[in-house]
C-alpha atoms as a PDB file:
ATOM      1  CA  MET A   1     -52.575 -35.038  35.266  1.00  0.00           C
ATOM      2  CA  LYS A   2     -54.638 -38.150  35.888  1.00  0.00           C
ATOM      3  CA  LYS A   3     -53.905 -39.345  32.352  1.00  0.00           C
ATOM      4  CA  ARG A   4     -50.157 -38.972  32.878  1.00  0.00           C
ATOM      5  CA  LEU A   5     -50.185 -41.053  36.066  1.00  0.00           C
ATOM      6  CA  LYS A   6     -52.629 -43.658  34.761  1.00  0.00           C
ATOM      7  CA  ASN A   7     -50.107 -46.444  34.186  1.00  0.00           C
ATOM      8  CA  LYS A   8     -46.473 -47.174  34.972  1.00  0.00           C
ATOM      9  CA  GLN A   9     -45.197 -46.470  31.464  1.00  0.00           C
ATOM     10  CA  SER A  10     -46.718 -42.998  31.309  1.00  0.00           C
ATOM     11  CA  ARG A  11     -45.438 -42.200  34.832  1.00  0.00           C
ATOM     12  CA  LYS A  12     -41.965 -43.301  33.797  1.00  0.00           C
ATOM     13  CA  ARG A  13     -42.121 -41.212  30.621  1.00  0.00           C
ATOM     14  CA  CYS A  14     -42.862 -38.005  32.521  1.00  0.00           C
ATOM     15  CA  GLY A  15     -40.208 -38.731  35.188  1.00  0.00           C
ATOM     16  CA  TYR A  16     -42.646 -39.248  38.063  1.00  0.00           C
ATOM     17  CA  THR A  17     -41.079 -42.544  39.143  1.00  0.00           C
ATOM     18  CA  GLN A  18     -37.893 -40.749  40.206  1.00  0.00           C
ATOM     19  CA  ARG A  19     -39.574 -38.527  42.776  1.00  0.00           C
ATOM     20  CA  TRP A  20     -38.000 -40.618  45.559  1.00  0.00           C
ATOM     21  CA  GLN A  21     -34.561 -39.378  44.482  1.00  0.00           C
ATOM     22  CA  VAL A  22     -35.618 -35.744  44.850  1.00  0.00           C
ATOM     23  CA  GLU A  23     -37.221 -36.419  48.233  1.00  0.00           C
ATOM     24  CA  THR A  24     -34.092 -38.226  49.465  1.00  0.00           C
ATOM     25  CA  THR A  25     -31.799 -35.401  48.370  1.00  0.00           C
ATOM     26  CA  ALA A  26     -34.021 -32.747  49.958  1.00  0.00           C
ATOM     27  CA  SER A  27     -34.049 -34.735  53.200  1.00  0.00           C
ATOM     28  CA  MET A  28     -30.253 -35.089  53.166  1.00  0.00           C
ATOM     29  CA  LEU A  29     -29.793 -31.350  52.581  1.00  0.00           C
ATOM     30  CA  LYS A  30     -32.114 -30.444  55.447  1.00  0.00           C
ATOM     31  CA  ARG A  31     -30.603 -32.996  57.828  1.00  0.00           C
ATOM     32  CA  ASN A  32     -26.962 -32.133  57.121  1.00  0.00           C
ATOM     33  CA  LEU A  33     -27.079 -28.405  56.407  1.00  0.00           C
ATOM     34  CA  GLY A  34     -30.240 -27.178  58.129  1.00  0.00           C
ATOM     35  CA  SER A  35     -33.650 -26.379  56.756  1.00  0.00           C
ATOM     36  CA  ALA A  36     -33.617 -22.581  57.114  1.00  0.00           C
ATOM     37  CA  LEU A  37     -32.335 -20.079  54.571  1.00  0.00           C
ATOM     38  CA  ARG A  38     -31.043 -16.891  56.163  1.00  0.00           C
ATOM     39  CA  GLY A  39     -31.516 -14.509  53.244  1.00  0.00           C
ATOM     40  CA  LYS A  40     -34.185 -11.827  53.422  1.00  0.00           C
ATOM     41  CA  SER A  41     -34.648 -11.197  49.707  1.00  0.00           C
ATOM     42  CA  LYS A  42     -35.553 -13.788  47.083  1.00  0.00           C
ATOM     43  CA  GLN A  43     -32.165 -13.380  45.413  1.00  0.00           C
ATOM     44  CA  SER A  44     -30.353 -13.868  48.711  1.00  0.00           C
ATOM     45  CA  ARG A  45     -32.360 -17.031  49.504  1.00  0.00           C
ATOM     46  CA  GLU A  46     -31.607 -18.412  46.036  1.00  0.00           C
ATOM     47  CA  HIS A  47     -27.922 -17.719  46.634  1.00  0.00           C
ATOM     48  CA  ASP A  48     -28.072 -19.487  50.021  1.00  0.00           C
ATOM     49  CA  MET A  49     -29.749 -22.523  48.435  1.00  0.00           C
ATOM     50  CA  LEU A  50     -27.165 -22.713  45.643  1.00  0.00           C
ATOM     51  CA  LEU A  51     -24.388 -22.632  48.240  1.00  0.00           C
ATOM     52  CA  LYS A  52     -26.085 -25.429  50.190  1.00  0.00           C
ATOM     53  CA  VAL A  53     -26.408 -27.553  47.046  1.00  0.00           C
ATOM     54  CA  LEU A  54     -22.759 -26.925  46.157  1.00  0.00           C
ATOM     55  CA  THR A  55     -21.671 -27.795  49.709  1.00  0.00           C
ATOM     56  CA  HIS A  56     -23.805 -30.946  49.625  1.00  0.00           C
ATOM     57  CA  ASN A  57     -22.209 -32.065  46.346  1.00  0.00           C
ATOM     58  CA  ILE A  58     -18.700 -31.434  47.698  1.00  0.00           C
ATOM     59  CA  MET A  59     -19.558 -33.434  50.822  1.00  0.00           C
ATOM     60  CA  LEU A  60     -20.696 -36.354  48.655  1.00  0.00           C
ATOM     61  CA  LEU A  61     -17.518 -36.229  46.577  1.00  0.00           C
ATOM     62  CA  ALA A  62     -15.373 -36.106  49.721  1.00  0.00           C
ATOM     63  CA  ALA A  63     -17.224 -39.117  51.156  1.00  0.00           C
ATOM     64  CA  ASP A  64     -16.503 -41.095  47.955  1.00  0.00           C
ATOM     65  CA  ASP A  65     -12.755 -40.458  48.376  1.00  0.00           C
ATOM     66  CA  ASP A  66     -12.704 -42.114  51.806  1.00  0.00           C
END
């Protein structure tokens, strides 16, 4: 892992420089739709998360239309 993050070019190649985008999206999801998943089973929690992601994407598309 240390080798991969040694210089900027190798970090860019493995996608590490875009971590801020993932962190921003996760923060937006938690802030707008809540941080808890209500499902009890793993499958139910996965389903809840997919619905949150879908809702988040629809909200972004709706905001672009305004």
